[in-house]
N, C-alpha and C. Protein backbone atom coordinates (compact mmCIF):
# COMPACT_ATOMS: atom_id res chain seq x y z
N MET A 1 -90.16 -98.20 1.02
CA MET A 1 -89.56 -97.49 -0.10
C MET A 1 -89.29 -96.04 0.25
N VAL A 2 -90.23 -95.40 0.93
CA VAL A 2 -90.06 -94.01 1.31
C VAL A 2 -88.90 -93.87 2.27
N ARG A 3 -88.79 -94.84 3.23
CA ARG A 3 -87.69 -94.77 4.18
C ARG A 3 -86.34 -94.95 3.49
N GLU A 4 -86.27 -95.81 2.51
CA GLU A 4 -85.02 -96.03 1.78
C GLU A 4 -84.60 -94.76 1.04
N THR A 5 -85.57 -94.08 0.42
CA THR A 5 -85.29 -92.84 -0.30
C THR A 5 -84.82 -91.76 0.68
N ALA A 6 -85.49 -91.67 1.83
CA ALA A 6 -85.11 -90.69 2.84
C ALA A 6 -83.71 -90.97 3.36
N ALA A 7 -83.40 -92.24 3.58
CA ALA A 7 -82.07 -92.61 4.05
C ALA A 7 -81.02 -92.30 3.00
N LEU A 8 -81.34 -92.58 1.73
CA LEU A 8 -80.42 -92.29 0.64
C LEU A 8 -80.18 -90.79 0.52
N ASP A 9 -81.27 -90.00 0.61
CA ASP A 9 -81.14 -88.54 0.56
C ASP A 9 -80.27 -88.05 1.70
N SER A 10 -80.43 -88.65 2.88
CA SER A 10 -79.66 -88.25 4.04
C SER A 10 -78.18 -88.51 3.82
N VAL A 11 -77.86 -89.67 3.25
CA VAL A 11 -76.46 -90.00 2.97
C VAL A 11 -75.89 -89.05 1.92
N GLU A 12 -76.65 -88.81 0.85
CA GLU A 12 -76.20 -87.89 -0.19
C GLU A 12 -76.02 -86.49 0.36
N GLY A 13 -76.91 -86.08 1.25
CA GLY A 13 -76.81 -84.76 1.88
C GLY A 13 -75.53 -84.64 2.69
N LYS A 14 -75.19 -85.73 3.42
CA LYS A 14 -73.95 -85.71 4.21
C LYS A 14 -72.73 -85.65 3.30
N ASP A 15 -72.78 -86.42 2.19
CA ASP A 15 -71.67 -86.39 1.24
C ASP A 15 -71.50 -84.99 0.65
N ALA A 16 -72.63 -84.37 0.31
CA ALA A 16 -72.58 -83.02 -0.24
C ALA A 16 -72.02 -82.05 0.78
N LEU A 17 -72.44 -82.22 2.05
CA LEU A 17 -71.95 -81.35 3.12
C LEU A 17 -70.45 -81.52 3.28
N HIS A 18 -69.98 -82.78 3.31
CA HIS A 18 -68.55 -83.03 3.44
C HIS A 18 -67.79 -82.48 2.24
N SER A 19 -68.39 -82.59 1.07
CA SER A 19 -67.77 -82.07 -0.15
C SER A 19 -67.65 -80.55 -0.07
N ASP A 20 -68.70 -79.88 0.41
CA ASP A 20 -68.66 -78.42 0.57
C ASP A 20 -67.61 -78.02 1.58
N GLU A 21 -67.55 -78.76 2.69
CA GLU A 21 -66.56 -78.47 3.73
C GLU A 21 -65.14 -78.66 3.18
N ALA A 22 -64.96 -79.73 2.41
CA ALA A 22 -63.64 -79.99 1.83
C ALA A 22 -63.26 -78.89 0.84
N THR A 23 -64.23 -78.44 0.06
CA THR A 23 -63.97 -77.36 -0.90
C THR A 23 -63.59 -76.08 -0.18
N LEU A 24 -64.34 -75.74 0.88
CA LEU A 24 -64.03 -74.54 1.66
C LEU A 24 -62.66 -74.65 2.31
N ALA A 25 -62.35 -75.82 2.85
CA ALA A 25 -61.05 -76.02 3.49
C ALA A 25 -59.93 -75.87 2.47
N GLN A 26 -60.14 -76.42 1.28
CA GLN A 26 -59.14 -76.31 0.22
C GLN A 26 -58.96 -74.85 -0.20
N GLN A 27 -60.07 -74.13 -0.33
CA GLN A 27 -60.01 -72.72 -0.71
C GLN A 27 -59.26 -71.92 0.35
N GLU A 28 -59.54 -72.18 1.63
CA GLU A 28 -58.85 -71.48 2.71
C GLU A 28 -57.36 -71.80 2.70
N ALA A 29 -57.01 -73.06 2.41
CA ALA A 29 -55.60 -73.45 2.35
C ALA A 29 -54.89 -72.73 1.21
N ILE A 30 -55.55 -72.62 0.07
CA ILE A 30 -54.97 -71.92 -1.07
C ILE A 30 -54.76 -70.45 -0.74
N GLU A 31 -55.78 -69.82 -0.13
CA GLU A 31 -55.67 -68.41 0.25
C GLU A 31 -54.55 -68.21 1.26
N SER A 32 -54.41 -69.14 2.19
CA SER A 32 -53.35 -69.07 3.19
C SER A 32 -51.97 -69.16 2.53
N ASP A 33 -51.83 -70.07 1.58
CA ASP A 33 -50.56 -70.21 0.86
C ASP A 33 -50.23 -68.94 0.09
N ILE A 34 -51.23 -68.35 -0.55
CA ILE A 34 -51.02 -67.12 -1.31
C ILE A 34 -50.58 -66.00 -0.37
N LYS A 35 -51.26 -65.87 0.77
CA LYS A 35 -50.89 -64.82 1.73
C LYS A 35 -49.48 -65.01 2.24
N ALA A 36 -49.10 -66.27 2.48
CA ALA A 36 -47.77 -66.55 3.02
C ALA A 36 -46.68 -66.35 1.97
N SER A 37 -47.01 -66.55 0.70
CA SER A 37 -45.97 -66.53 -0.32
C SER A 37 -45.88 -65.23 -1.11
N SER A 38 -46.89 -64.38 -1.03
CA SER A 38 -46.81 -63.14 -1.81
C SER A 38 -47.23 -61.94 -0.97
N PRO A 39 -46.40 -60.90 -0.99
CA PRO A 39 -46.75 -59.70 -0.23
C PRO A 39 -47.90 -58.96 -0.91
N LEU A 40 -48.53 -58.08 -0.17
CA LEU A 40 -49.59 -57.26 -0.76
C LEU A 40 -49.01 -56.39 -1.87
N ILE A 41 -47.82 -55.83 -1.61
CA ILE A 41 -47.09 -55.04 -2.61
C ILE A 41 -45.63 -55.47 -2.54
N SER A 42 -45.07 -55.83 -3.68
CA SER A 42 -43.68 -56.29 -3.69
C SER A 42 -42.72 -55.10 -3.70
N GLU A 43 -41.45 -55.42 -3.48
CA GLU A 43 -40.43 -54.40 -3.70
C GLU A 43 -40.34 -54.18 -5.21
N VAL A 44 -39.60 -53.18 -5.62
CA VAL A 44 -39.45 -52.91 -7.05
C VAL A 44 -38.66 -54.07 -7.67
N LEU A 45 -39.24 -54.64 -8.72
CA LEU A 45 -38.61 -55.75 -9.44
C LEU A 45 -38.21 -55.27 -10.83
N PRO A 46 -37.14 -55.84 -11.39
CA PRO A 46 -36.77 -55.43 -12.75
C PRO A 46 -37.85 -55.86 -13.75
N LEU A 47 -38.01 -55.09 -14.79
CA LEU A 47 -39.01 -55.42 -15.81
C LEU A 47 -38.72 -56.75 -16.49
N THR A 48 -37.49 -57.20 -16.40
CA THR A 48 -37.15 -58.50 -17.01
C THR A 48 -37.93 -59.64 -16.36
N THR A 49 -38.47 -59.43 -15.17
CA THR A 49 -39.28 -60.48 -14.54
C THR A 49 -40.54 -60.77 -15.34
N LEU A 50 -40.94 -59.83 -16.19
CA LEU A 50 -42.12 -60.04 -17.02
C LEU A 50 -41.81 -60.87 -18.27
N ASP A 51 -40.53 -60.99 -18.62
CA ASP A 51 -40.17 -61.78 -19.81
C ASP A 51 -40.73 -63.19 -19.71
N GLU A 52 -40.57 -63.79 -18.57
CA GLU A 52 -41.06 -65.15 -18.36
C GLU A 52 -42.59 -65.22 -18.45
N ASP A 53 -43.26 -64.22 -17.89
CA ASP A 53 -44.73 -64.19 -17.92
C ASP A 53 -45.27 -64.16 -19.34
N PHE A 54 -44.55 -63.49 -20.23
CA PHE A 54 -45.06 -63.29 -21.59
C PHE A 54 -44.30 -64.09 -22.65
N SER A 55 -43.47 -65.03 -22.21
CA SER A 55 -42.76 -65.85 -23.20
C SER A 55 -43.80 -66.60 -24.03
N GLY A 56 -43.55 -66.66 -25.31
CA GLY A 56 -44.51 -67.30 -26.21
C GLY A 56 -45.55 -66.35 -26.75
N HIS A 57 -45.47 -65.08 -26.36
CA HIS A 57 -46.40 -64.05 -26.85
C HIS A 57 -45.58 -62.90 -27.45
N PRO A 58 -45.17 -63.03 -28.70
CA PRO A 58 -44.26 -62.04 -29.29
C PRO A 58 -44.79 -60.61 -29.29
N VAL A 59 -46.08 -60.44 -29.44
CA VAL A 59 -46.64 -59.07 -29.44
C VAL A 59 -46.40 -58.42 -28.08
N TYR A 60 -46.66 -59.18 -27.00
CA TYR A 60 -46.47 -58.63 -25.67
C TYR A 60 -44.99 -58.41 -25.36
N LEU A 61 -44.16 -59.32 -25.82
CA LEU A 61 -42.72 -59.15 -25.60
C LEU A 61 -42.19 -57.90 -26.30
N GLU A 62 -42.74 -57.61 -27.46
CA GLU A 62 -42.36 -56.40 -28.19
C GLU A 62 -42.77 -55.16 -27.39
N LYS A 63 -43.98 -55.17 -26.85
CA LYS A 63 -44.46 -54.04 -26.04
C LYS A 63 -43.62 -53.92 -24.77
N LEU A 64 -43.24 -55.06 -24.22
CA LEU A 64 -42.42 -55.06 -23.01
C LEU A 64 -41.07 -54.39 -23.27
N GLU A 65 -40.51 -54.60 -24.43
CA GLU A 65 -39.24 -53.95 -24.78
C GLU A 65 -39.40 -52.43 -24.80
N LEU A 66 -40.55 -51.96 -25.26
CA LEU A 66 -40.83 -50.51 -25.24
C LEU A 66 -40.92 -50.00 -23.81
N LEU A 67 -41.57 -50.78 -22.95
CA LEU A 67 -41.67 -50.38 -21.54
C LEU A 67 -40.29 -50.31 -20.89
N LYS A 68 -39.43 -51.24 -21.22
CA LYS A 68 -38.08 -51.28 -20.63
C LYS A 68 -37.28 -50.03 -20.98
N LYS A 69 -37.58 -49.39 -22.09
CA LYS A 69 -36.88 -48.17 -22.48
C LYS A 69 -37.30 -46.98 -21.62
N LYS A 70 -38.51 -47.05 -21.07
CA LYS A 70 -39.03 -45.92 -20.31
C LYS A 70 -39.02 -46.15 -18.79
N TYR A 71 -39.21 -47.39 -18.37
CA TYR A 71 -39.33 -47.70 -16.94
C TYR A 71 -38.25 -48.68 -16.51
N THR A 72 -37.90 -48.61 -15.23
CA THR A 72 -36.85 -49.48 -14.73
C THR A 72 -37.39 -50.68 -13.96
N GLY A 73 -38.59 -50.58 -13.44
CA GLY A 73 -39.08 -51.69 -12.63
C GLY A 73 -40.59 -51.67 -12.45
N ILE A 74 -41.06 -52.72 -11.81
CA ILE A 74 -42.49 -52.86 -11.51
C ILE A 74 -42.64 -53.36 -10.07
N ARG A 75 -43.81 -53.23 -9.57
CA ARG A 75 -44.17 -53.84 -8.29
C ARG A 75 -45.31 -54.81 -8.57
N ARG A 76 -45.21 -55.99 -8.03
CA ARG A 76 -46.30 -56.96 -8.15
C ARG A 76 -47.21 -56.79 -6.95
N LEU A 77 -48.47 -57.09 -7.16
CA LEU A 77 -49.45 -57.01 -6.08
C LEU A 77 -50.15 -58.34 -5.92
N ARG A 78 -50.57 -58.60 -4.68
CA ARG A 78 -51.37 -59.80 -4.44
C ARG A 78 -52.73 -59.57 -5.07
N ARG A 79 -53.17 -60.51 -5.85
CA ARG A 79 -54.45 -60.40 -6.55
C ARG A 79 -55.57 -60.86 -5.62
N ASP A 80 -56.02 -59.95 -4.79
CA ASP A 80 -57.00 -60.31 -3.77
C ASP A 80 -58.33 -59.59 -3.93
N GLY A 81 -58.54 -58.95 -5.05
CA GLY A 81 -59.79 -58.21 -5.26
C GLY A 81 -59.68 -56.76 -4.85
N ASN A 82 -58.63 -56.42 -4.13
CA ASN A 82 -58.41 -55.03 -3.72
C ASN A 82 -57.17 -54.45 -4.38
N CYS A 83 -56.58 -55.19 -5.29
CA CYS A 83 -55.28 -54.80 -5.84
C CYS A 83 -55.33 -53.46 -6.59
N PHE A 84 -56.43 -53.16 -7.27
CA PHE A 84 -56.50 -51.87 -7.97
C PHE A 84 -56.41 -50.72 -6.98
N TYR A 85 -57.22 -50.77 -5.93
CA TYR A 85 -57.25 -49.69 -4.95
C TYR A 85 -55.92 -49.60 -4.20
N ARG A 86 -55.37 -50.75 -3.84
CA ARG A 86 -54.09 -50.77 -3.14
C ARG A 86 -52.99 -50.21 -4.04
N ALA A 87 -52.98 -50.60 -5.30
CA ALA A 87 -51.96 -50.12 -6.24
C ALA A 87 -52.07 -48.61 -6.43
N PHE A 88 -53.29 -48.14 -6.63
CA PHE A 88 -53.49 -46.71 -6.82
C PHE A 88 -53.05 -45.94 -5.58
N GLY A 89 -53.51 -46.36 -4.40
CA GLY A 89 -53.17 -45.67 -3.16
C GLY A 89 -51.67 -45.64 -2.93
N PHE A 90 -51.04 -46.79 -3.06
CA PHE A 90 -49.60 -46.86 -2.84
C PHE A 90 -48.85 -45.99 -3.84
N ALA A 91 -49.18 -46.14 -5.12
CA ALA A 91 -48.45 -45.41 -6.17
C ALA A 91 -48.61 -43.90 -6.00
N TYR A 92 -49.80 -43.46 -5.63
CA TYR A 92 -50.00 -42.02 -5.49
C TYR A 92 -49.25 -41.47 -4.27
N ILE A 93 -49.30 -42.19 -3.16
CA ILE A 93 -48.57 -41.72 -1.97
C ILE A 93 -47.06 -41.79 -2.24
N GLU A 94 -46.60 -42.82 -2.93
CA GLU A 94 -45.19 -42.91 -3.30
C GLU A 94 -44.80 -41.71 -4.18
N TYR A 95 -45.65 -41.36 -5.12
CA TYR A 95 -45.42 -40.21 -5.99
C TYR A 95 -45.31 -38.92 -5.16
N LEU A 96 -46.22 -38.75 -4.20
CA LEU A 96 -46.19 -37.55 -3.35
C LEU A 96 -44.93 -37.54 -2.49
N LEU A 97 -44.60 -38.68 -1.93
CA LEU A 97 -43.46 -38.80 -1.02
C LEU A 97 -42.13 -38.56 -1.73
N THR A 98 -41.94 -39.20 -2.86
CA THR A 98 -40.64 -39.11 -3.52
C THR A 98 -40.39 -37.75 -4.15
N GLY A 99 -41.43 -37.00 -4.41
CA GLY A 99 -41.25 -35.68 -5.01
C GLY A 99 -41.46 -34.54 -4.05
N LYS A 100 -41.66 -34.87 -2.77
CA LYS A 100 -41.93 -33.83 -1.76
C LYS A 100 -43.03 -32.88 -2.25
N ARG A 101 -44.11 -33.44 -2.71
CA ARG A 101 -45.20 -32.67 -3.30
C ARG A 101 -46.24 -32.31 -2.23
N LEU A 102 -45.91 -31.37 -1.38
CA LEU A 102 -46.78 -31.01 -0.26
C LEU A 102 -48.08 -30.36 -0.71
N LYS A 103 -48.02 -29.52 -1.74
CA LYS A 103 -49.25 -28.87 -2.22
C LYS A 103 -50.23 -29.91 -2.76
N GLN A 104 -49.72 -30.88 -3.49
CA GLN A 104 -50.59 -31.93 -4.02
C GLN A 104 -51.14 -32.80 -2.89
N ALA A 105 -50.35 -33.01 -1.87
CA ALA A 105 -50.82 -33.79 -0.72
C ALA A 105 -51.95 -33.04 -0.02
N GLU A 106 -51.81 -31.73 0.12
CA GLU A 106 -52.88 -30.93 0.72
C GLU A 106 -54.14 -30.97 -0.14
N ARG A 107 -53.95 -30.93 -1.44
CA ARG A 107 -55.10 -31.01 -2.36
C ARG A 107 -55.79 -32.38 -2.23
N LEU A 108 -55.00 -33.43 -2.10
CA LEU A 108 -55.56 -34.77 -1.90
C LEU A 108 -56.38 -34.83 -0.62
N LYS A 109 -55.82 -34.30 0.46
CA LYS A 109 -56.55 -34.32 1.74
C LYS A 109 -57.83 -33.50 1.66
N SER A 110 -57.77 -32.37 0.97
CA SER A 110 -58.96 -31.55 0.79
C SER A 110 -60.03 -32.31 0.01
N ARG A 111 -59.60 -33.02 -1.01
CA ARG A 111 -60.54 -33.84 -1.81
C ARG A 111 -61.12 -34.97 -0.95
N CYS A 112 -60.29 -35.54 -0.09
CA CYS A 112 -60.76 -36.58 0.83
C CYS A 112 -61.81 -36.02 1.79
N ASP A 113 -61.61 -34.77 2.24
CA ASP A 113 -62.60 -34.11 3.10
C ASP A 113 -63.93 -33.96 2.36
N GLU A 114 -63.85 -33.55 1.10
CA GLU A 114 -65.08 -33.40 0.30
C GLU A 114 -65.78 -34.75 0.13
N CYS A 115 -65.02 -35.78 -0.10
CA CYS A 115 -65.61 -37.12 -0.25
C CYS A 115 -66.24 -37.59 1.06
N ARG A 116 -65.56 -37.33 2.17
CA ARG A 116 -66.13 -37.69 3.48
C ARG A 116 -67.49 -37.02 3.66
N ASP A 117 -67.55 -35.72 3.38
CA ASP A 117 -68.80 -34.98 3.54
C ASP A 117 -69.89 -35.50 2.60
N ALA A 118 -69.50 -35.82 1.37
CA ALA A 118 -70.47 -36.35 0.41
C ALA A 118 -71.00 -37.70 0.87
N LEU A 119 -70.13 -38.56 1.36
CA LEU A 119 -70.56 -39.88 1.83
C LEU A 119 -71.56 -39.76 2.97
N ILE A 120 -71.28 -38.85 3.88
CA ILE A 120 -72.20 -38.64 5.00
C ILE A 120 -73.53 -38.12 4.49
N SER A 121 -73.50 -37.21 3.52
CA SER A 121 -74.75 -36.69 2.95
C SER A 121 -75.52 -37.76 2.18
N PHE A 122 -74.81 -38.79 1.69
CA PHE A 122 -75.47 -39.90 0.99
C PHE A 122 -76.09 -40.90 1.97
N GLY A 123 -75.84 -40.70 3.27
CA GLY A 123 -76.44 -41.58 4.26
C GLY A 123 -75.50 -42.60 4.88
N TYR A 124 -74.22 -42.54 4.54
CA TYR A 124 -73.26 -43.44 5.18
C TYR A 124 -73.11 -43.04 6.65
N THR A 125 -72.80 -43.99 7.50
CA THR A 125 -72.65 -43.73 8.93
C THR A 125 -71.46 -42.81 9.16
N GLN A 126 -71.72 -41.69 9.82
CA GLN A 126 -70.69 -40.67 10.01
C GLN A 126 -69.47 -41.22 10.73
N PHE A 127 -69.69 -41.95 11.82
CA PHE A 127 -68.57 -42.48 12.60
C PHE A 127 -67.67 -43.35 11.74
N THR A 128 -68.26 -44.23 10.95
CA THR A 128 -67.49 -45.15 10.12
C THR A 128 -66.69 -44.40 9.06
N VAL A 129 -67.36 -43.50 8.36
CA VAL A 129 -66.69 -42.74 7.30
C VAL A 129 -65.55 -41.92 7.89
N GLU A 130 -65.80 -41.26 9.00
CA GLU A 130 -64.76 -40.42 9.61
C GLU A 130 -63.57 -41.25 10.08
N ASP A 131 -63.84 -42.44 10.58
CA ASP A 131 -62.75 -43.31 11.04
C ASP A 131 -61.81 -43.66 9.88
N PHE A 132 -62.38 -44.12 8.77
CA PHE A 132 -61.56 -44.46 7.60
C PHE A 132 -60.87 -43.22 7.03
N HIS A 133 -61.58 -42.10 7.01
CA HIS A 133 -61.03 -40.83 6.51
C HIS A 133 -59.83 -40.40 7.35
N GLU A 134 -59.99 -40.43 8.68
CA GLU A 134 -58.90 -40.00 9.56
C GLU A 134 -57.67 -40.88 9.40
N GLN A 135 -57.87 -42.18 9.30
CA GLN A 135 -56.73 -43.09 9.11
C GLN A 135 -56.00 -42.79 7.80
N PHE A 136 -56.76 -42.57 6.75
CA PHE A 136 -56.15 -42.33 5.44
C PHE A 136 -55.41 -41.00 5.41
N THR A 137 -56.04 -39.93 5.88
CA THR A 137 -55.39 -38.61 5.83
C THR A 137 -54.20 -38.54 6.78
N ALA A 138 -54.26 -39.26 7.90
CA ALA A 138 -53.11 -39.31 8.81
C ALA A 138 -51.93 -40.01 8.12
N MET A 139 -52.24 -41.04 7.35
CA MET A 139 -51.19 -41.74 6.60
C MET A 139 -50.59 -40.81 5.55
N VAL A 140 -51.41 -40.05 4.87
CA VAL A 140 -50.91 -39.09 3.88
C VAL A 140 -49.94 -38.12 4.56
N ASP A 141 -50.31 -37.61 5.73
CA ASP A 141 -49.43 -36.70 6.47
C ASP A 141 -48.12 -37.38 6.87
N ARG A 142 -48.21 -38.62 7.34
CA ARG A 142 -47.00 -39.34 7.77
C ARG A 142 -45.96 -39.39 6.66
N PHE A 143 -46.43 -39.58 5.45
CA PHE A 143 -45.47 -39.80 4.36
C PHE A 143 -45.20 -38.56 3.52
N THR A 144 -45.92 -37.49 3.75
CA THR A 144 -45.64 -36.27 2.99
C THR A 144 -45.11 -35.18 3.91
N VAL A 145 -45.86 -34.84 4.93
CA VAL A 145 -45.45 -33.78 5.85
C VAL A 145 -44.32 -34.25 6.75
N ASP A 146 -44.48 -35.44 7.35
CA ASP A 146 -43.47 -35.95 8.29
C ASP A 146 -42.32 -36.66 7.58
N SER A 147 -42.43 -36.85 6.29
CA SER A 147 -41.38 -37.44 5.44
C SER A 147 -40.88 -38.81 5.92
N GLU A 148 -41.80 -39.68 6.29
CA GLU A 148 -41.41 -41.06 6.61
C GLU A 148 -40.77 -41.65 5.36
N PRO A 149 -39.81 -42.57 5.51
CA PRO A 149 -39.11 -43.12 4.34
C PRO A 149 -39.99 -44.08 3.52
N LEU A 150 -39.59 -44.28 2.29
CA LEU A 150 -40.31 -45.16 1.37
C LEU A 150 -40.43 -46.58 1.92
N ALA A 151 -39.39 -47.06 2.59
CA ALA A 151 -39.44 -48.41 3.16
C ALA A 151 -40.58 -48.54 4.17
N LYS A 152 -40.83 -47.47 4.89
CA LYS A 152 -41.93 -47.47 5.86
C LYS A 152 -43.28 -47.49 5.14
N LEU A 153 -43.38 -46.80 4.01
CA LEU A 153 -44.60 -46.83 3.21
C LEU A 153 -44.86 -48.25 2.72
N GLU A 154 -43.80 -48.91 2.24
CA GLU A 154 -43.93 -50.30 1.78
C GLU A 154 -44.40 -51.19 2.92
N ALA A 155 -43.81 -51.03 4.09
CA ALA A 155 -44.20 -51.85 5.24
C ALA A 155 -45.64 -51.58 5.65
N THR A 156 -46.04 -50.32 5.61
CA THR A 156 -47.41 -49.96 5.99
C THR A 156 -48.42 -50.59 5.04
N PHE A 157 -48.16 -50.49 3.74
CA PHE A 157 -49.11 -51.05 2.77
C PHE A 157 -49.05 -52.58 2.73
N ASN A 158 -48.01 -53.18 3.27
CA ASN A 158 -47.94 -54.64 3.36
C ASN A 158 -48.51 -55.17 4.66
N ASP A 159 -48.88 -54.28 5.56
CA ASP A 159 -49.58 -54.68 6.79
C ASP A 159 -51.06 -54.75 6.45
N GLN A 160 -51.61 -55.95 6.46
CA GLN A 160 -52.99 -56.18 6.01
C GLN A 160 -53.99 -55.25 6.71
N ALA A 161 -53.83 -55.06 8.01
CA ALA A 161 -54.79 -54.24 8.76
C ALA A 161 -54.80 -52.79 8.26
N TYR A 162 -53.63 -52.19 8.16
CA TYR A 162 -53.56 -50.81 7.67
C TYR A 162 -54.00 -50.73 6.21
N SER A 163 -53.44 -51.60 5.41
CA SER A 163 -53.72 -51.57 3.97
C SER A 163 -55.21 -51.70 3.68
N ASP A 164 -55.88 -52.60 4.39
CA ASP A 164 -57.32 -52.78 4.17
C ASP A 164 -58.10 -51.53 4.57
N TYR A 165 -57.65 -50.83 5.60
CA TYR A 165 -58.30 -49.58 6.00
C TYR A 165 -58.23 -48.57 4.86
N TYR A 166 -57.04 -48.43 4.27
CA TYR A 166 -56.87 -47.48 3.18
C TYR A 166 -57.69 -47.89 1.96
N VAL A 167 -57.74 -49.19 1.70
CA VAL A 167 -58.52 -49.69 0.56
C VAL A 167 -59.99 -49.36 0.74
N VAL A 168 -60.51 -49.55 1.95
CA VAL A 168 -61.92 -49.24 2.20
C VAL A 168 -62.18 -47.76 1.92
N PHE A 169 -61.30 -46.90 2.42
CA PHE A 169 -61.53 -45.47 2.18
C PHE A 169 -61.44 -45.14 0.69
N LEU A 170 -60.49 -45.72 0.00
CA LEU A 170 -60.38 -45.47 -1.45
C LEU A 170 -61.61 -45.98 -2.20
N ARG A 171 -62.17 -47.09 -1.75
CA ARG A 171 -63.42 -47.57 -2.35
C ARG A 171 -64.53 -46.53 -2.13
N TYR A 172 -64.58 -45.98 -0.93
CA TYR A 172 -65.56 -44.92 -0.64
C TYR A 172 -65.35 -43.72 -1.56
N VAL A 173 -64.09 -43.32 -1.71
CA VAL A 173 -63.77 -42.16 -2.56
C VAL A 173 -64.24 -42.41 -3.99
N PHE A 174 -63.97 -43.59 -4.51
CA PHE A 174 -64.38 -43.90 -5.88
C PHE A 174 -65.90 -43.92 -6.00
N ARG A 175 -66.59 -44.33 -4.95
CA ARG A 175 -68.06 -44.30 -4.99
C ARG A 175 -68.57 -42.88 -5.11
N THR A 176 -67.95 -41.96 -4.37
CA THR A 176 -68.42 -40.57 -4.44
C THR A 176 -68.12 -39.96 -5.80
N VAL A 177 -66.98 -40.31 -6.36
CA VAL A 177 -66.62 -39.79 -7.68
C VAL A 177 -67.59 -40.31 -8.74
N CYS A 178 -67.99 -41.57 -8.60
CA CYS A 178 -68.91 -42.19 -9.58
C CYS A 178 -70.37 -41.85 -9.31
N HIS A 179 -70.68 -41.30 -8.15
CA HIS A 179 -72.08 -41.04 -7.78
C HIS A 179 -72.67 -39.90 -8.58
């Protein structure tokens, strides 16, 4: 009887293992499809693209009409858990770039320096913090001082490697602000 129970448990354990593996494989396939089908940050889309999203919700459609009077478009983001930081970073650099706001860019870099120093004083590894800081501030310079075009900013933020670097630094910045 004990051997039968042990054998049954072994079979159930294998089924559970295969089920977990199948679930993980399915999750990876879904993530792969999402990555392949949606950019990290889209090009500017007309606000009318939201009509379909909110059809059947008259209150939201009414609010959408108000937005259409003030704004011409939106950018969609991949919902990957980093979308807030990516949206904020992209939108702020776009704002600096399109308005040639060099003084504000310098103020941003100065604030980034303060955050870097605070993170190090909180015990974060200096090398790591400085690496993310340097990448982020160099990007700010590329698009404000060197006046790289907006299309290049879009391409940079859609490159997962670069974009994730900026997201990590922005997460660090928000930690220092909230600390």
